[in-house]
Amino acid sequence: MTLSNEAQKEYARLKSDPVYFYEKFLATEEEPAPFDYQKEVLRAIADPQYKEITILKGRQIGMSWTMGVAACWFASMWENRKILTVAFNLEQAQLILNYAKTFMARLKRKGLFDFFIESSAMRHMVWKNGSQIQAFGCTVPDAYNVRGQTAHLLFVDEAAIIYDRMFPSITPTVANTGGTAVYLGTAGSIGSFFYRKWSDGQRIADLRKRKLMGDDAIGELPPVKTFTLPSTLCPKLTPEILEKEKRSLGEIKYNREYLGVWMGTAEQVFTKIPVFDERVMPTKSIRPCFAGIDVGRVNDPTVMIIIETYFGEMQKVIDGIKSNVMVPYRVIWGKAWERNTQAEIAADIMHNIHPRFPSRLYQIDTVSYTHLRAHETRGNLVC
């Protein structure tokens, strides 16, 4: 059957724009259109220039809903495509699939459901054009249940709480199809796989801006895009609701869960990776000095600081107010290592720190986290 020019234009628009697809087929009175930030994400998924999208999101902003829309559009408008939704357990992975089922069920009222859908089950849904969605939970070691799967569109939901060791099984699913991988989650552990994806994407976005402004020294950049979507963007979450959550969770957890701020726990000295490299270590200190090492694990940076005893006033910001407080010490040098091996860190310490404190630090060896815990140091070593 030959389509008219008008029908061809309509089909091309539906195939290229998931927002238009939603408004044409899936919209209801209660949900007439996605919010603006959801539209931006949907159109990024449809943009062929992006093969990797990382979404750092606040809670309850409708991102699983958005991924359900994207899944319906992709499976309906493209033949013989496979979509995988992956999460830390099957129940979480099924959220996107269940949204897709809900959206496609709306077509029953328009008499179009049987035109699109072949079959639907708990863990998958199959379209008559050969496309399908499947859900997998990474609840077994190394995500063995995902190994061997191939996808044209991959959704990794709550990526921040999936163990890093599972991603070598997850990411290859789109390797030989030229497909798009979408990682979404709230701010979790600094140094994790999801954190690295997001921070690398931020760096590439900055380079892309510089290139657009005429920086010819920047070559071709990877086809990635990042979003940072705090809960304050969602019209459904009023300031009163968010303030209530902040009082309930406390500032650190609230900032992480709702504002997309990478932070640690309330017990940490540093709530994010500190930037120490600009500090100049004095060649000599007349006061006693102490070196502290917090040995990172898979998801954490290794941080070392050197402090000197110091009793005096320093300016600090407490609850947003600058004030002078008396402190017993001050940091004179520090550094954070995100991905280095223990041997690399030890070499760095020996070459850059030991010469400046030869009488204090005689020998620094690599120490495992397990060894430190055995000595009840909670990962902190003071020399």
Protein backbone atom coordinates (compact mmCIF):
# COMPACT_ATOMS: atom_id res chain seq x y z
CA MET A 1 0.00 0.00 0.00
CA THR A 2 1.34 3.39 -1.00
CA LEU A 3 0.96 6.18 1.55
CA SER A 4 -0.01 9.67 0.53
CA ASN A 5 2.52 12.46 0.98
CA GLU A 6 0.61 13.70 4.02
CA ALA A 7 0.55 10.22 5.57
CA GLN A 8 4.28 9.81 4.92
CA LYS A 9 5.01 13.10 6.69
CA GLU A 10 2.83 12.06 9.61
CA TYR A 11 4.56 8.69 9.87
CA ALA A 12 8.02 10.31 9.69
CA ARG A 13 7.09 12.71 12.49
CA LEU A 14 5.76 9.88 14.68
CA LYS A 15 8.93 7.88 14.06
CA SER A 16 11.27 10.75 14.94
CA ASP A 17 9.44 12.37 17.88
CA PRO A 18 8.31 10.32 20.91
CA VAL A 19 6.62 13.41 22.38
CA TYR A 20 4.35 13.67 19.34
CA PHE A 21 3.73 9.89 19.51
CA TYR A 22 2.58 10.27 23.13
CA GLU A 23 0.28 13.20 22.34
CA LYS A 24 -1.19 11.36 19.34
CA PHE A 25 -1.81 7.93 20.90
CA LEU A 26 -1.20 7.81 24.66
CA ALA A 27 -2.38 11.13 26.10
CA THR A 28 -5.27 11.32 28.54
CA GLU A 29 -7.15 14.18 30.20
CA GLU A 30 -5.17 13.61 33.39
CA GLU A 31 -1.83 13.29 31.53
CA PRO A 32 -2.19 15.33 28.35
CA ALA A 33 1.56 15.78 27.76
CA PRO A 34 4.93 15.17 29.42
CA PHE A 35 6.50 17.99 31.42
CA ASP A 36 9.15 20.08 29.64
CA TYR A 37 12.12 18.24 31.21
CA GLN A 38 10.52 14.90 30.27
CA LYS A 39 10.13 16.08 26.69
CA GLU A 40 13.81 17.01 26.58
CA VAL A 41 14.83 13.56 27.79
CA LEU A 42 12.50 11.80 25.32
CA ARG A 43 13.87 13.76 22.39
CA ALA A 44 17.45 13.06 23.47
CA ILE A 45 16.67 9.32 23.43
CA ALA A 46 15.29 9.71 19.91
CA ASP A 47 18.30 11.73 18.74
CA PRO A 48 20.60 9.39 16.77
CA GLN A 49 23.70 11.41 17.72
CA TYR A 50 23.49 10.19 21.34
CA LYS A 51 24.36 6.59 22.13
CA GLU A 52 24.74 6.99 25.87
CA ILE A 53 22.53 9.10 28.13
CA THR A 54 23.05 9.49 31.87
CA ILE A 55 20.27 11.00 33.98
CA LEU A 56 21.02 12.11 37.53
CA LYS A 57 17.54 12.64 38.94
CA GLY A 58 15.70 13.56 42.08
CA ARG A 59 13.00 11.33 43.51
CA GLN A 60 9.42 11.25 42.26
CA ILE A 61 9.90 13.28 39.06
CA GLY A 62 8.41 10.68 36.70
CA MET A 63 11.54 9.32 35.03
CA SER A 64 10.35 5.70 35.04
CA TRP A 65 7.11 7.03 33.50
CA THR A 66 9.21 8.82 30.86
CA MET A 67 11.18 5.67 30.07
CA GLY A 68 7.86 3.81 29.66
CA VAL A 69 6.82 6.37 27.03
CA ALA A 70 10.18 6.01 25.25
CA ALA A 71 9.85 2.21 25.26
CA CYS A 72 6.34 2.32 23.76
CA TRP A 73 7.39 4.76 21.05
CA PHE A 74 10.52 2.82 20.11
CA ALA A 75 8.83 -0.59 19.98
CA SER A 76 5.78 0.74 18.10
CA MET A 77 7.60 2.75 15.45
CA TRP A 78 10.65 0.56 14.79
CA GLU A 79 10.43 -3.05 13.61
CA ASN A 80 12.28 -5.99 15.16
CA ARG A 81 13.81 -4.00 17.98
CA LYS A 82 14.58 -5.28 21.47
CA ILE A 83 14.37 -3.13 24.59
CA LEU A 84 15.86 -4.23 27.91
CA THR A 85 15.03 -2.72 31.27
CA VAL A 86 17.55 -3.61 33.96
CA ALA A 87 17.59 -2.75 37.67
CA PHE A 88 18.96 -4.07 40.96
CA ASN A 89 15.96 -6.40 41.25
CA LEU A 90 13.15 -7.61 39.00
CA GLU A 91 10.45 -5.57 40.73
CA GLN A 92 12.32 -2.33 40.01
CA ALA A 93 13.07 -3.38 36.43
CA GLN A 94 9.38 -4.10 35.84
CA LEU A 95 8.39 -0.51 36.67
CA ILE A 96 9.30 0.72 33.19
CA LEU A 97 7.73 -2.35 31.58
CA ASN A 98 4.53 -1.87 33.60
CA TYR A 99 4.30 1.76 32.53
CA ALA A 100 4.65 0.61 28.92
CA LYS A 101 1.82 -1.88 29.46
CA THR A 102 -0.35 0.83 31.00
CA PHE A 103 0.26 3.20 28.09
CA MET A 104 -0.45 0.58 25.46
CA ALA A 105 -3.65 -0.42 27.30
CA ARG A 106 -4.90 3.11 26.64
CA LEU A 107 -5.04 2.17 22.97
CA LYS A 108 -7.91 -0.23 23.69
CA ARG A 109 -10.23 2.76 23.95
CA LYS A 110 -9.12 3.80 20.47
CA GLY A 111 -9.42 0.28 19.07
CA LEU A 112 -5.70 0.18 18.30
CA PHE A 113 -4.36 -2.21 20.95
CA ASP A 114 -4.67 -5.34 18.78
CA PHE A 115 -3.07 -3.44 15.91
CA PHE A 116 0.12 -2.97 17.94
CA ILE A 117 0.41 -5.76 20.54
CA GLU A 118 1.00 -9.47 19.93
CA SER A 119 1.30 -10.68 23.54
CA SER A 120 1.96 -9.46 27.07
CA ALA A 121 3.34 -11.31 30.10
CA MET A 122 4.85 -10.50 33.48
CA ARG A 123 8.43 -9.94 32.26
CA HIS A 124 7.94 -9.01 28.61
CA MET A 125 5.64 -7.55 25.98
CA VAL A 126 5.76 -8.34 22.25
CA TRP A 127 4.62 -6.10 19.38
CA LYS A 128 3.23 -7.40 16.09
CA ASN A 129 6.08 -5.71 14.23
CA GLY A 130 8.56 -8.03 15.98
CA SER A 131 9.75 -5.58 18.64
CA GLN A 132 9.69 -6.48 22.32
CA ILE A 133 10.46 -5.28 25.85
CA GLN A 134 12.01 -7.52 28.51
CA ALA A 135 12.76 -6.81 32.18
CA PHE A 136 15.74 -8.22 34.11
CA GLY A 137 16.70 -7.86 37.73
CA CYS A 138 20.40 -8.07 38.63
CA THR A 139 19.90 -10.06 41.82
CA VAL A 140 22.43 -12.79 41.09
CA PRO A 141 26.22 -12.37 41.22
CA ASP A 142 27.70 -10.59 38.22
CA ALA A 143 24.26 -10.22 36.55
CA TYR A 144 24.53 -13.60 34.84
CA ASN A 145 20.86 -13.46 33.86
CA VAL A 146 21.61 -10.49 31.55
CA ARG A 147 24.68 -12.03 29.91
CA GLY A 148 24.01 -13.07 26.34
CA GLN A 149 21.15 -10.60 25.89
CA THR A 150 21.23 -8.11 23.01
CA ALA A 151 19.33 -4.83 22.91
CA HIS A 152 18.75 -1.84 20.66
CA LEU A 153 17.62 0.29 23.60
CA LEU A 154 18.80 -0.31 27.17
CA PHE A 155 17.35 1.25 30.31
CA VAL A 156 19.36 0.83 33.53
CA ASP A 157 17.07 2.05 36.31
CA GLU A 158 18.42 3.10 39.73
CA ALA A 159 21.91 2.60 38.32
CA ALA A 160 23.56 4.09 41.41
CA ILE A 161 22.64 1.08 43.56
CA ILE A 162 23.62 -1.66 41.11
CA TYR A 163 26.94 -3.22 42.11
CA ASP A 164 29.78 -2.09 39.85
CA ARG A 165 30.84 -5.69 39.19
CA MET A 166 27.54 -6.28 37.37
CA PHE A 167 28.02 -3.65 34.68
CA PRO A 168 30.46 -5.74 32.57
CA SER A 169 27.45 -8.01 31.97
CA ILE A 170 25.02 -5.15 31.34
CA THR A 171 26.80 -2.66 29.07
CA PRO A 172 27.75 -5.11 26.25
CA THR A 173 24.05 -5.70 25.49
CA VAL A 174 24.07 -2.72 23.09
CA ALA A 175 27.64 -3.19 21.86
CA ASN A 176 26.96 -4.86 18.50
CA THR A 177 23.63 -3.18 17.64
CA GLY A 178 24.73 0.44 17.77
CA GLY A 179 21.97 0.87 20.31
CA THR A 180 21.42 3.51 22.98
CA ALA A 181 22.05 2.97 26.70
CA VAL A 182 20.18 5.12 29.23
CA TYR A 183 21.44 5.14 32.82
CA LEU A 184 19.23 6.81 35.40
CA GLY A 185 19.33 7.07 39.15
CA THR A 186 19.67 9.27 42.21
CA ALA A 187 23.03 10.40 43.54
CA GLY A 188 24.74 7.44 45.21
CA SER A 189 28.34 6.59 45.99
CA ILE A 190 31.04 8.92 44.73
CA GLY A 191 33.40 6.92 42.52
CA SER A 192 30.78 4.36 41.47
CA PHE A 193 30.12 3.32 37.86
CA PHE A 194 27.09 5.60 37.68
CA TYR A 195 29.02 8.51 39.18
CA ARG A 196 31.81 8.06 36.63
CA LYS A 197 29.30 7.95 33.76
CA TRP A 198 27.68 11.16 34.95
CA SER A 199 30.92 13.04 35.70
CA ASP A 200 32.48 11.97 32.37
CA GLY A 201 29.32 13.17 30.62
CA GLN A 202 29.57 16.53 32.38
CA ARG A 203 33.17 16.90 31.28
CA ILE A 204 32.25 16.07 27.67
CA ALA A 205 29.36 18.55 27.78
CA ASP A 206 31.81 21.28 28.83
CA LEU A 207 34.16 20.34 25.99
CA ARG A 208 31.24 20.39 23.55
CA LYS A 209 30.38 23.96 24.60
CA ARG A 210 33.99 25.05 24.12
CA LYS A 211 34.07 23.42 20.70
CA LEU A 212 30.90 25.25 19.65
CA MET A 213 32.53 28.49 20.76
CA GLY A 214 35.38 27.87 18.31
CA ASP A 215 37.99 25.89 20.24
CA ASP A 216 39.62 24.03 17.34
CA ALA A 217 41.95 22.08 19.63
CA ILE A 218 39.05 19.86 20.71
CA GLY A 219 38.63 16.82 18.49
CA GLU A 220 35.66 14.51 18.00
CA LEU A 221 33.74 13.89 21.20
CA PRO A 222 31.93 10.72 22.34
CA PRO A 223 28.17 10.58 21.56
CA VAL A 224 27.01 11.01 25.16
CA LYS A 225 24.62 13.34 26.97
CA THR A 226 23.90 13.95 30.64
CA PHE A 227 20.98 15.42 32.52
CA THR A 228 20.75 16.68 36.09
CA LEU A 229 17.08 16.82 37.07
CA PRO A 230 16.36 17.81 40.69
CA SER A 231 12.93 17.15 42.16
CA THR A 232 12.27 20.89 42.22
CA LEU A 233 11.55 20.66 38.46
CA CYS A 234 8.43 18.56 39.00
CA PRO A 235 5.26 20.70 39.29
CA LYS A 236 3.61 18.01 41.41
CA LEU A 237 6.19 18.42 44.17
CA THR A 238 5.29 21.65 45.92
CA PRO A 239 7.78 23.54 48.11
CA GLU A 240 5.74 22.41 51.12
CA ILE A 241 6.15 18.74 50.18
CA LEU A 242 9.89 19.14 49.61
CA GLU A 243 10.39 21.04 52.87
CA LYS A 244 8.60 18.25 54.73
CA GLU A 245 10.92 15.67 53.13
CA LYS A 246 13.96 17.76 54.04
CA ARG A 247 12.91 17.87 57.69
CA SER A 248 12.22 14.14 57.65
CA LEU A 249 15.44 13.01 55.93
CA GLY A 250 17.93 15.63 57.06
CA GLU A 251 19.92 17.87 54.75
CA ILE A 252 22.51 15.37 53.49
CA LYS A 253 20.03 12.64 52.55
CA TYR A 254 17.57 15.20 51.16
CA ASN A 255 20.23 16.78 48.93
CA ARG A 256 21.21 13.37 47.62
CA GLU A 257 17.71 11.98 47.09
CA TYR A 258 15.89 15.09 45.86
CA LEU A 259 18.46 17.55 44.53
CA GLY A 260 20.90 15.21 42.79
CA VAL A 261 23.87 16.29 44.90
CA TRP A 262 26.67 13.75 45.30
CA MET A 263 27.19 13.58 49.04
CA GLY A 264 28.33 11.10 51.65
CA THR A 265 26.86 10.08 54.96
CA ALA A 266 26.42 12.30 57.98
CA GLU A 267 29.43 10.59 59.63
CA GLN A 268 31.89 11.50 56.85
CA VAL A 269 34.45 14.26 57.25
CA PHE A 270 34.20 14.99 53.52
CA THR A 271 30.70 14.86 51.99
CA LYS A 272 32.13 15.02 48.48
CA ILE A 273 35.52 14.50 46.86
CA PRO A 274 37.61 17.44 48.10
CA VAL A 275 39.69 19.44 45.67
CA PHE A 276 43.12 19.57 47.27
CA ASP A 277 45.49 19.79 44.35
CA GLU A 278 45.76 23.59 44.46
CA ARG A 279 47.12 23.54 48.01
CA VAL A 280 50.86 24.05 48.34
CA MET A 281 52.45 21.94 51.00
CA PRO A 282 54.98 23.87 53.09
CA THR A 283 58.49 22.49 52.95
CA LYS A 284 58.68 22.54 56.71
CA SER A 285 56.30 22.99 59.61
CA ILE A 286 57.41 23.96 63.09
CA ARG A 287 54.28 22.36 64.53
CA PRO A 288 53.55 18.61 64.90
CA CYS A 289 51.89 17.22 61.76
CA PHE A 290 49.64 14.22 61.22
CA ALA A 291 48.82 12.31 58.04
CA GLY A 292 45.43 10.62 57.73
CA ILE A 293 44.52 8.12 55.02
CA ASP A 294 40.99 6.97 54.26
CA VAL A 295 41.45 3.94 52.02
CA GLY A 296 38.70 3.79 49.40
CA ARG A 297 36.98 0.67 48.20
CA VAL A 298 35.25 0.06 44.85
CA ASN A 299 32.78 2.93 45.21
CA ASP A 300 34.82 5.39 47.25
CA PRO A 301 37.85 7.60 46.63
CA THR A 302 41.01 7.24 48.66
CA VAL A 303 41.69 10.50 50.48
CA MET A 304 44.82 11.61 52.29
CA ILE A 305 45.22 14.80 54.28
CA ILE A 306 48.06 16.25 56.29
CA ILE A 307 47.13 18.54 59.15
CA GLU A 308 49.20 20.55 61.57
CA THR A 309 48.26 21.41 65.11
CA TYR A 310 46.91 24.90 65.13
CA PHE A 311 44.81 26.71 67.69
CA GLY A 312 43.28 29.79 66.19
CA GLU A 313 40.34 31.25 64.33
CA MET A 314 39.20 30.03 60.92
CA GLN A 315 36.21 31.11 58.86
CA LYS A 316 33.59 28.43 58.33
CA VAL A 317 30.10 28.39 56.83
CA ILE A 318 27.53 26.95 59.25
CA ASP A 319 23.91 26.75 58.09
CA GLY A 320 24.69 29.23 55.34
CA ILE A 321 26.20 31.81 57.69
CA LYS A 322 29.91 32.70 57.67
CA SER A 323 31.45 32.87 61.10
CA ASN A 324 34.85 32.61 62.78
CA VAL A 325 35.36 29.55 64.95
CA MET A 326 38.26 28.29 67.04
CA VAL A 327 39.85 25.13 65.63
CA PRO A 328 42.59 22.83 67.00
CA TYR A 329 44.13 22.03 63.59
CA ARG A 330 44.18 23.07 59.96
CA VAL A 331 44.64 21.16 56.70
CA ILE A 332 47.92 22.04 54.99
CA TRP A 333 47.79 19.47 52.19
CA GLY A 334 45.48 16.86 50.81
CA LYS A 335 44.67 14.77 47.78
CA ALA A 336 41.90 12.44 46.57
CA TRP A 337 42.50 9.47 44.26
CA GLU A 338 39.37 8.24 42.47
CA ARG A 339 40.48 5.27 40.38
CA ASN A 340 44.14 4.64 41.13
CA THR A 341 45.37 1.29 42.36
CA GLN A 342 46.92 0.97 45.80
CA ALA A 343 50.37 0.62 44.24
CA GLU A 344 49.89 3.87 42.25
CA ILE A 345 48.69 5.70 45.35
CA ALA A 346 51.62 4.43 47.42
CA ALA A 347 54.06 5.53 44.70
CA ASP A 348 52.44 8.95 44.56
CA ILE A 349 52.73 9.32 48.33
CA MET A 350 56.35 8.21 48.39
CA HIS A 351 57.39 10.55 45.55
CA ASN A 352 55.43 13.64 46.53
CA ILE A 353 54.84 13.50 50.27
CA HIS A 354 57.67 11.53 51.84
CA PRO A 355 60.46 13.90 50.65
CA ARG A 356 58.76 16.81 52.40
CA PHE A 357 58.41 14.99 55.70
CA PRO A 358 61.48 12.72 55.75
CA SER A 359 61.75 12.67 59.51
CA ARG A 360 58.08 11.91 60.03
CA LEU A 361 57.01 9.40 57.35
CA TYR A 362 59.66 6.71 57.14
CA GLN A 363 57.70 4.07 55.26
CA ILE A 364 54.27 3.89 53.66
CA ASP A 365 53.05 0.57 52.38
CA THR A 366 49.81 -0.42 50.64
CA VAL A 367 47.15 -1.37 53.15
CA SER A 368 43.92 -3.18 52.36
CA TYR A 369 40.54 -2.04 53.65
CA THR A 370 40.01 -5.46 55.26
CA HIS A 371 43.30 -5.13 57.12
CA LEU A 372 42.28 -1.73 58.45
CA ARG A 373 38.87 -2.98 59.57
CA ALA A 374 40.57 -5.86 61.36
CA HIS A 375 42.36 -3.25 63.45
CA GLU A 376 39.08 -1.39 64.05
CA THR A 377 40.25 1.75 62.31
CA ARG A 378 37.07 2.05 60.16
CA GLY A 379 39.21 2.62 57.09
CA ASN A 380 41.19 5.50 58.57
CA LEU A 381 44.92 5.23 59.16
CA VAL A 382 46.87 7.88 61.06
CA CYS A 383 50.63 7.94 60.63
